[in-house]
């Protein structure tokens, strides 16, 4: 369960406070609301200013028309004002009227500006709230697009979420065009991944026939009475290479099958699976001078029993293969029920140190130790890839971490079975 150490990659440089700035960055809805509010307040201020100018101009024009000089030649305008036993005529009356009008204008302008500002603030606040609601309604389809894209991206394997569609209903506007284009892109990707899986499955199945024929011909040539020792040695080598090819093709078939959603589920206790796999692994473990320990507790789940058996078998097989060769190596297999409605299988082993940054590479297909090739290597590099695919198909996940002192700890979590709960 080890891999070739890879050079440590430097993390991307991040400026201090960049994460806080990203969290504080206003959303598009907030920015649209602020733009709506700013435009509304600007338009209100312009309207208030224009009203003030027209009002002031109208007052001045009215005073000139009533008390200014007559427009017709030869005519004279006489103004008499009696106030508190005081009579004003001529220019004195006009000055008094002018002062009175100025006071009235100042009071009217003050009232206009004060009440207009209060009204603008109240109506502007309502406009901002309405803009927030309208922006939310307008951006709701974009939120649906984002949620669907996140659901696809959050799938344990990218191709697992490609069946999701937005299916946006509504008028044929730009947002609907975006949603339909996104659905078309995801649908084409889904078809592409399906075609790729079918191709791998079909090609692997078709390759089984010539490999079976090759094995039969080699065995026939080896068991002839006239076969020399050289022919028998060559036959053994050919059979070993043929067996490796068969394991590779079998792994590809199993990988293609495990990447499909498990529809037909049945109750399975992982404790029984662990006990069965441990018993099967006794002989390979003895040949590798590795001791296998098991600590089983009821771990009921539902799924495909054969795929779950392959999952545990691959973990134990990798634990035996990538271990110490001095007779002190061991593999420990544990099944248990954990919190959160989950059951878990954990396999840990001794072995060389595994760099933490190399752990994610172990789950990539065809990843093997340094120097191994697909033809000459002892494994096809599909063991942990199959484990991840089987776990994902059952709604679970896989975690791996280096063990202190060397080796690896791999834990597979699966949903606890509903029907199996009543059986225990």
Protein backbone atom coordinates (compact mmCIF):
# COMPACT_ATOMS: atom_id res chain seq x y z
CA UNK A 1 0.00 0.00 0.00
CA UNK A 2 2.95 2.28 -0.65
CA UNK A 3 3.91 4.44 -3.58
CA UNK A 4 7.03 6.06 -4.90
CA UNK A 5 7.85 9.25 -3.04
CA UNK A 6 7.07 12.27 -5.17
CA UNK A 7 8.80 15.66 -4.94
CA UNK A 8 7.01 17.97 -2.56
CA UNK A 9 5.15 20.71 -4.35
CA UNK A 10 5.20 24.24 -3.00
CA UNK A 11 1.81 25.53 -2.00
CA UNK A 12 0.42 28.40 -3.99
CA UNK A 13 1.28 31.80 -2.51
CA UNK A 14 -1.60 33.52 -0.80
CA UNK A 15 -1.43 37.08 0.44
CA UNK A 16 -2.26 37.74 4.10
CA UNK A 17 -5.93 38.50 4.50
CA UNK A 18 -6.87 37.27 1.01
CA UNK A 19 -9.31 34.74 2.44
CA UNK A 20 -10.97 37.44 4.55
CA UNK A 21 -11.25 39.70 1.51
CA UNK A 22 -12.93 36.92 -0.45
CA UNK A 23 -15.43 36.37 2.35
CA UNK A 24 -16.10 40.12 2.62
CA UNK A 25 -16.56 40.59 -1.12
CA UNK A 26 -20.18 41.65 -1.77
CA UNK A 27 -22.39 39.30 -3.68
CA UNK A 28 -23.89 40.13 -7.07
CA UNK A 29 -27.30 40.56 -5.44
CA UNK A 30 -25.92 43.11 -2.99
CA UNK A 31 -24.06 44.96 -5.75
CA UNK A 32 -27.20 45.14 -7.90
CA UNK A 33 -29.20 46.41 -4.92
CA UNK A 34 -26.61 49.08 -4.20
CA UNK A 35 -26.64 50.15 -7.86
CA UNK A 36 -30.46 50.34 -7.86
CA UNK A 37 -30.42 52.35 -4.63
CA UNK A 38 -27.68 54.72 -5.80
CA UNK A 39 -29.48 55.40 -9.09
CA UNK A 40 -32.77 55.98 -7.27
CA UNK A 41 -31.21 58.44 -4.80
CA UNK A 42 -29.39 60.23 -7.62
CA UNK A 43 -32.62 60.57 -9.60
CA UNK A 44 -34.42 61.78 -6.44
CA UNK A 45 -31.76 64.40 -5.76
CA UNK A 46 -31.96 65.65 -9.36
CA UNK A 47 -35.76 65.82 -9.13
CA UNK A 48 -35.56 67.69 -5.82
CA UNK A 49 -33.06 70.18 -7.27
CA UNK A 50 -35.14 70.80 -10.38
CA UNK A 51 -38.23 71.33 -8.22
CA UNK A 52 -36.34 73.87 -6.10
CA UNK A 53 -35.19 75.83 -9.16
CA UNK A 54 -38.65 75.88 -10.74
CA UNK A 55 -40.24 76.90 -7.45
CA UNK A 56 -37.78 79.75 -6.91
CA UNK A 57 -38.15 80.93 -10.49
CA UNK A 58 -41.93 80.87 -10.28
CA UNK A 59 -41.95 83.01 -7.13
CA UNK A 60 -39.67 85.64 -8.65
CA UNK A 61 -41.69 85.75 -11.86
CA UNK A 62 -44.96 86.13 -9.97
CA UNK A 63 -43.61 89.09 -7.95
CA UNK A 64 -42.39 90.89 -11.07
CA UNK A 65 -45.72 90.41 -12.82
CA UNK A 66 -47.71 91.78 -9.88
CA UNK A 67 -45.56 94.54 -8.47
CA UNK A 68 -43.00 95.40 -11.13
CA UNK A 69 -43.13 98.31 -13.55
CA UNK A 70 -46.11 98.34 -15.98
CA UNK A 71 -45.40 96.96 -19.40
CA UNK A 72 -47.62 99.51 -21.23
CA UNK A 73 -46.23 103.05 -21.72
CA UNK A 74 -48.16 105.94 -20.17
CA UNK A 75 -49.59 103.81 -17.37
CA UNK A 76 -48.52 104.04 -13.69
CA UNK A 77 -48.99 101.48 -10.90
CA UNK A 78 -49.86 102.78 -7.42
CA UNK A 79 -49.48 100.49 -4.37
CA UNK A 80 -50.98 101.37 -0.98
CA UNK A 81 -50.37 99.23 2.13
CA UNK A 82 -51.97 99.97 5.50
CA UNK A 83 -50.58 98.06 8.46
CA UNK A 84 -50.94 99.00 12.13
CA UNK A 85 -51.99 102.60 11.38
CA UNK A 86 -49.03 102.95 9.01
CA UNK A 87 -49.62 103.57 5.33
CA UNK A 88 -46.95 102.69 2.79
CA UNK A 89 -46.98 103.85 -0.82
CA UNK A 90 -44.64 103.74 -3.76
CA UNK A 91 -41.20 102.22 -3.39
CA UNK A 92 -41.60 101.73 0.35
CA UNK A 93 -44.61 99.47 -0.25
CA UNK A 94 -42.75 97.51 -2.88
CA UNK A 95 -39.75 97.03 -0.57
CA UNK A 96 -42.02 95.80 2.19
CA UNK A 97 -43.72 93.35 -0.18
CA UNK A 98 -40.30 92.17 -1.40
CA UNK A 99 -39.12 91.45 2.15
CA UNK A 100 -42.33 89.59 2.93
CA UNK A 101 -42.02 87.50 -0.22
CA UNK A 102 -38.38 86.69 0.59
CA UNK A 103 -39.40 85.41 4.04
CA UNK A 104 -42.20 83.38 2.51
CA UNK A 105 -39.83 81.98 -0.12
CA UNK A 106 -37.21 81.02 2.46
CA UNK A 107 -39.83 79.23 4.58
CA UNK A 108 -41.24 77.44 1.54
CA UNK A 109 -37.79 76.41 0.30
CA UNK A 110 -36.82 75.15 3.77
CA UNK A 111 -40.04 73.16 4.00
CA UNK A 112 -39.56 71.84 0.47
CA UNK A 113 -35.99 70.72 1.05
CA UNK A 114 -36.61 69.25 4.53
CA UNK A 115 -39.77 67.36 3.73
CA UNK A 116 -38.48 66.42 0.29
CA UNK A 117 -35.30 64.97 1.81
CA UNK A 118 -37.27 63.00 4.39
CA UNK A 119 -39.60 61.69 1.72
CA UNK A 120 -36.64 60.80 -0.51
CA UNK A 121 -34.96 58.87 2.30
CA UNK A 122 -38.15 56.95 3.17
CA UNK A 123 -39.05 56.16 -0.41
CA UNK A 124 -35.38 55.40 -1.20
CA UNK A 125 -35.23 52.90 1.67
CA UNK A 126 -38.32 51.20 0.32
CA UNK A 127 -36.82 51.23 -3.17
CA UNK A 128 -33.61 49.59 -1.86
CA UNK A 129 -35.64 46.87 -0.13
CA UNK A 130 -37.70 46.34 -3.27
CA UNK A 131 -34.48 46.24 -5.31
CA UNK A 132 -33.12 43.54 -2.97
CA UNK A 133 -36.24 41.42 -3.51
CA UNK A 134 -36.26 41.99 -7.27
CA UNK A 135 -32.55 41.20 -7.55
CA UNK A 136 -33.13 37.97 -5.62
CA UNK A 137 -35.94 36.98 -7.96
CA UNK A 138 -33.89 37.83 -11.03
CA UNK A 139 -30.82 35.94 -9.77
CA UNK A 140 -32.76 32.89 -8.54
CA UNK A 141 -32.17 30.98 -11.82
CA UNK A 142 -28.45 31.72 -11.54
CA UNK A 143 -28.48 30.31 -8.01
CA UNK A 144 -30.06 27.15 -9.42
CA UNK A 145 -27.29 26.92 -12.02
CA UNK A 146 -24.67 27.40 -9.31
CA UNK A 147 -26.27 24.81 -7.01
CA UNK A 148 -26.37 22.22 -9.79
CA UNK A 149 -22.75 22.90 -10.75
CA UNK A 150 -21.68 22.58 -7.11
CA UNK A 151 -23.59 19.31 -6.76
CA UNK A 152 -21.75 17.92 -9.77
CA UNK A 153 -18.40 19.19 -8.50
CA UNK A 154 -19.05 17.81 -5.00
CA UNK A 155 -19.61 14.27 -6.28
CA UNK A 156 -16.80 11.93 -5.10
CA UNK A 157 -16.11 11.14 -8.73
CA UNK A 158 -16.81 13.84 -11.29
CA UNK A 159 -18.70 11.58 -13.68
CA UNK A 160 -21.09 10.45 -10.94
CA UNK A 161 -22.87 13.79 -10.82
CA UNK A 162 -23.28 14.26 -14.56
CA UNK A 163 -26.85 12.97 -14.46
CA UNK A 164 -27.90 16.21 -12.74
CA UNK A 165 -29.80 18.73 -14.87
CA UNK A 166 -31.01 22.26 -14.23
CA UNK A 167 -34.16 21.97 -16.38
CA UNK A 168 -34.94 25.66 -15.89
CA UNK A 169 -38.48 26.70 -16.80
CA UNK A 170 -39.56 30.21 -17.62
CA UNK A 171 -39.30 32.77 -20.40
CA UNK A 172 -36.68 32.31 -23.10
CA UNK A 173 -34.26 34.93 -21.84
CA UNK A 174 -30.49 35.03 -21.40
CA UNK A 175 -30.55 33.12 -18.11
CA UNK A 176 -32.58 30.28 -19.61
CA UNK A 177 -30.18 30.16 -22.56
CA UNK A 178 -27.32 29.81 -20.09
CA UNK A 179 -29.11 27.01 -18.18
CA UNK A 180 -29.99 25.14 -21.38
CA UNK A 181 -26.41 25.44 -22.63
CA UNK A 182 -25.13 24.12 -19.30
CA UNK A 183 -27.56 21.16 -19.48
CA UNK A 184 -26.43 20.39 -23.03
CA UNK A 185 -22.76 20.45 -22.00
CA UNK A 186 -23.36 18.18 -19.00
CA UNK A 187 -25.42 15.78 -21.12
CA UNK A 188 -22.63 15.49 -23.69
CA UNK A 189 -20.10 14.86 -20.92
CA UNK A 190 -22.37 12.22 -19.41
CA UNK A 191 -22.68 10.46 -22.77
CA UNK A 192 -18.91 10.68 -23.21
CA UNK A 193 -18.19 9.07 -19.83
CA UNK A 194 -20.82 6.38 -20.43
CA UNK A 195 -19.29 5.61 -23.81
CA UNK A 196 -15.84 5.43 -22.26
CA UNK A 197 -17.01 3.00 -19.57
CA UNK A 198 -18.80 0.84 -22.12
CA UNK A 199 -15.71 0.81 -24.33
CA UNK A 200 -13.48 -0.29 -21.44
CA UNK A 201 -15.93 -3.01 -20.44
CA UNK A 202 -16.42 -4.27 -23.99
CA UNK A 203 -12.73 -4.15 -24.88
CA UNK A 204 -11.78 -5.94 -21.67
CA UNK A 205 -14.42 -8.58 -22.28
CA UNK A 206 -13.27 -9.14 -25.85
CA UNK A 207 -9.64 -9.47 -24.73
CA UNK A 208 -10.51 -12.32 -22.39
CA UNK A 209 -11.09 -14.75 -25.24
CA UNK A 210 -7.60 -14.54 -26.85
CA UNK A 211 -5.97 -14.68 -23.42
CA UNK A 212 -7.90 -17.83 -22.56
CA UNK A 213 -6.90 -19.32 -25.92
CA UNK A 214 -3.26 -18.39 -25.34
CA UNK A 215 -3.28 -20.05 -21.93
CA UNK A 216 -4.80 -23.22 -23.36
CA UNK A 217 -2.23 -23.40 -26.19
CA UNK A 218 0.70 -22.79 -23.82
CA UNK A 219 -0.53 -25.44 -21.39
CA UNK A 220 -1.02 -27.89 -24.25
CA UNK A 221 2.52 -27.31 -25.50
CA UNK A 222 3.96 -27.67 -21.98
CA UNK A 223 2.24 -31.00 -21.28
CA UNK A 224 3.39 -32.75 -24.42
CA UNK A 225 5.56 -35.76 -23.85
CA UNK A 226 8.15 -34.42 -26.25
CA UNK A 227 8.29 -30.99 -24.54
CA UNK A 228 11.82 -30.14 -23.48
CA UNK A 229 12.82 -28.33 -20.30
CA UNK A 230 13.36 -25.11 -22.26
CA UNK A 231 9.81 -25.29 -23.61
CA UNK A 232 8.45 -25.88 -20.11
CA UNK A 233 10.41 -22.93 -18.71
CA UNK A 234 9.23 -20.73 -21.54
CA UNK A 235 5.65 -21.94 -20.95
CA UNK A 236 5.85 -21.03 -17.26
CA UNK A 237 7.00 -17.53 -18.17
CA UNK A 238 4.26 -17.15 -20.76
CA UNK A 239 1.61 -18.40 -18.32
CA UNK A 240 2.79 -15.90 -15.71
CA UNK A 241 2.60 -13.04 -18.21
CA UNK A 242 -0.81 -14.28 -19.39
CA UNK A 243 -2.05 -14.43 -15.78
CA UNK A 244 -0.97 -10.83 -15.23
CA UNK A 245 -2.86 -9.76 -18.33
CA UNK A 246 -5.93 -11.63 -17.11
CA UNK A 247 -5.72 -9.89 -13.74
CA UNK A 248 -5.41 -6.54 -15.50
CA UNK A 249 -8.44 -7.18 -17.70
CA UNK A 250 -10.41 -8.54 -14.77
CA UNK A 251 -9.59 -5.39 -12.83
CA UNK A 252 -10.73 -3.19 -15.71
CA UNK A 253 -14.02 -5.08 -15.95
CA UNK A 254 -14.54 -4.79 -12.22
CA UNK A 255 -13.66 -1.09 -12.28
CA UNK A 256 -16.15 -0.43 -15.10
CA UNK A 257 -18.82 -2.35 -13.19
CA UNK A 258 -18.13 -0.67 -9.86
CA UNK A 259 -18.41 2.81 -11.38
CA UNK A 260 -22.12 2.22 -11.97
CA UNK A 261 -24.74 2.96 -9.36
CA UNK A 262 -25.72 -0.12 -7.33
CA UNK A 263 -29.46 -0.59 -7.93
CA UNK A 264 -30.05 -4.09 -6.55
CA UNK A 265 -29.08 -3.99 -2.88
CA UNK A 266 -29.27 -6.67 -0.22
CA UNK A 267 -28.33 -6.74 3.48
CA UNK A 268 -24.61 -7.37 4.05
CA UNK A 269 -22.69 -7.51 7.32
CA UNK A 270 -19.16 -6.28 6.81
CA UNK A 271 -18.03 -8.38 9.77
CA UNK A 272 -18.84 -11.53 7.80
CA UNK A 273 -17.05 -10.14 4.75
CA UNK A 274 -13.94 -9.35 6.81
CA UNK A 275 -13.89 -12.84 8.34
CA UNK A 276 -14.28 -14.49 4.92
CA UNK A 277 -11.58 -12.38 3.25
CA UNK A 278 -9.16 -12.86 6.15
CA UNK A 279 -9.52 -16.62 5.89
CA UNK A 280 -8.91 -16.49 2.14
CA UNK A 281 -5.80 -14.33 2.65
CA UNK A 282 -4.16 -16.69 5.15
CA UNK A 283 -2.04 -18.51 2.55
CA UNK A 284 -0.78 -15.41 0.67
CA UNK A 285 -0.01 -13.78 4.05
CA UNK A 286 1.99 -16.82 5.17
CA UNK A 287 3.96 -16.83 1.92
CA UNK A 288 4.77 -13.12 2.43
CA UNK A 289 5.61 -13.70 6.13
CA UNK A 290 2.90 -11.22 7.17
CA UNK A 291 0.49 -11.75 10.06
CA UNK A 292 -3.15 -10.77 9.52
CA UNK A 293 -5.23 -9.72 12.54
CA UNK A 294 -8.95 -9.15 12.52
CA UNK A 295 -11.16 -7.29 14.98
CA UNK A 296 -14.76 -7.65 13.85
CA UNK A 297 -17.89 -6.07 15.22
CA UNK A 298 -21.34 -5.99 13.58
CA UNK A 299 -21.34 -3.51 10.71
CA UNK A 300 -24.61 -3.93 8.77
CA UNK A 301 -25.06 -2.20 5.44
CA UNK A 302 -26.80 -2.82 2.12
CA UNK A 303 -25.28 -3.30 -1.31
CA UNK A 304 -23.70 -5.77 -3.69
CA UNK A 305 -22.06 -8.50 -1.61
CA UNK A 306 -19.55 -9.45 -4.32
CA UNK A 307 -18.40 -5.87 -4.82
CA UNK A 308 -18.06 -5.31 -1.07
CA UNK A 309 -16.05 -8.52 -0.80
CA UNK A 310 -13.77 -7.28 -3.58
CA UNK A 311 -13.37 -3.98 -1.72
CA UNK A 312 -12.16 -5.66 1.48
CA UNK A 313 -10.07 -8.18 -0.50
CA UNK A 314 -8.22 -5.41 -2.36
CA UNK A 315 -7.45 -3.60 0.89
CA UNK A 316 -6.11 -6.74 2.57
CA UNK A 317 -4.23 -7.80 -0.56
CA UNK A 318 -2.53 -4.40 -0.83
CA UNK A 319 -1.74 -4.50 2.87
CA UNK A 320 0.03 -7.84 2.42
CA UNK A 321 1.81 -6.92 -0.81
CA UNK A 322 3.22 -3.57 0.34
CA UNK A 323 4.62 -4.63 3.69
CA UNK A 324 7.86 -5.54 5.44
CA UNK A 325 9.69 -8.64 4.24
CA UNK A 326 11.57 -9.47 7.44
CA UNK A 327 8.80 -11.50 9.07
CA UNK A 328 7.66 -8.71 11.41
CA UNK A 329 5.01 -7.25 9.15
CA UNK A 330 1.33 -7.31 9.98
CA UNK A 331 -2.07 -6.29 8.61
CA UNK A 332 -4.99 -5.37 10.89
CA UNK A 333 -8.59 -5.47 9.61
CA UNK A 334 -11.38 -3.89 11.65
CA UNK A 335 -15.13 -3.66 11.07
CA UNK A 336 -17.33 -1.48 13.27
CA UNK A 337 -20.32 0.82 13.49
CA UNK A 338 -19.51 4.50 13.87
CA UNK A 339 -21.56 7.57 14.66
CA UNK A 340 -23.62 9.36 12.06
CA UNK A 341 -25.39 6.24 10.76
CA UNK A 342 -22.22 4.83 9.22
CA UNK A 343 -20.34 1.53 9.27
CA UNK A 344 -16.63 1.32 8.64
CA UNK A 345 -13.91 -1.06 7.53
CA UNK A 346 -10.38 -0.04 8.44
CA UNK A 347 -7.24 -1.78 7.19
CA UNK A 348 -3.82 -0.77 8.54
CA UNK A 349 -0.43 -2.33 7.89
CA UNK A 350 3.26 -1.98 8.51
CA UNK A 351 5.62 -1.01 5.74
CA UNK A 352 7.88 1.75 4.46
CA UNK A 353 7.03 5.37 5.17
CA UNK A 354 4.45 6.95 2.86
CA UNK A 355 4.71 10.73 2.28
CA UNK A 356 1.39 12.45 3.06
CA UNK A 357 1.39 14.27 -0.29
CA UNK A 358 1.66 10.92 -2.08
CA UNK A 359 -1.50 9.43 -0.53
CA UNK A 360 -4.01 10.90 -3.07
CA UNK A 361 -2.01 9.33 -5.93
CA UNK A 362 -2.63 5.84 -4.54
CA UNK A 363 -6.27 6.00 -5.67
CA UNK A 364 -5.43 6.81 -9.28
CA UNK A 365 -5.74 3.93 -11.77
CA UNK A 366 -2.49 2.19 -12.78
CA UNK A 367 -0.48 3.87 -10.03
CA UNK A 368 2.21 1.42 -8.89
CA UNK A 369 5.50 1.47 -7.13
CA UNK A 370 8.57 2.75 -8.90
CA UNK A 371 9.93 0.45 -11.54
CA UNK A 372 6.78 -1.61 -12.03
CA UNK A 373 5.20 -1.86 -15.44
CA UNK A 374 1.83 -3.15 -16.57
CA UNK A 375 3.37 -6.31 -18.00
CA UNK A 376 6.06 -7.12 -15.51
CA UNK A 377 4.63 -5.60 -12.33
CA UNK A 378 3.11 -7.71 -9.60
CA UNK A 379 -0.10 -5.63 -9.69
CA UNK A 380 -2.11 -3.73 -12.26
CA UNK A 381 -2.42 -0.63 -10.10
CA UNK A 382 -6.22 -0.84 -9.93
CA UNK A 383 -6.68 -2.09 -6.36
CA UNK A 384 -7.42 1.17 -4.56
CA UNK A 385 -9.15 2.64 -7.62
CA UNK A 386 -11.64 -0.23 -7.43
CA UNK A 387 -11.99 0.32 -3.68
CA UNK A 388 -12.89 3.97 -4.22
CA UNK A 389 -15.33 3.16 -7.05
CA UNK A 390 -17.10 0.46 -5.03
CA UNK A 391 -17.37 2.73 -1.99
CA UNK A 392 -18.73 5.59 -4.09
CA UNK A 393 -21.25 3.32 -5.81
CA UNK A 394 -22.57 2.36 -2.35
CA UNK A 395 -22.83 5.98 -1.20
CA UNK A 396 -19.68 5.87 0.92
CA UNK A 397 -16.21 7.35 0.89
CA UNK A 398 -12.58 6.33 1.44
CA UNK A 399 -9.96 8.01 3.62
CA UNK A 400 -6.27 7.18 3.81
CA UNK A 401 -3.41 8.47 5.94
CA UNK A 402 0.18 7.38 6.61
CA UNK A 403 0.69 5.31 9.78
CA UNK A 404 3.28 6.37 12.28
CA UNK A 405 6.33 4.16 11.88
CA UNK A 406 5.48 3.23 8.28
CA UNK A 407 2.60 1.76 6.38
CA UNK A 408 -0.85 3.08 5.67
CA UNK A 409 -4.29 3.27 7.29
CA UNK A 410 -7.26 3.09 4.90
CA UNK A 411 -10.82 3.49 6.20
CA UNK A 412 -13.96 2.92 4.12
CA UNK A 413 -17.22 4.39 5.46
CA UNK A 414 -20.57 3.16 4.16
CA UNK A 415 -24.16 4.01 5.09
CA UNK A 416 -25.66 1.76 7.72
CA UNK A 417 -28.27 -0.52 6.18
CA UNK A 418 -31.92 0.12 7.01
CA UNK A 419 -33.10 -3.46 6.56
CA UNK A 420 -29.97 -4.83 8.17
CA UNK A 421 -30.66 -2.79 11.32
CA UNK A 422 -33.66 -4.97 12.06
CA UNK A 423 -31.63 -8.12 11.64
CA UNK A 424 -29.19 -7.29 14.41
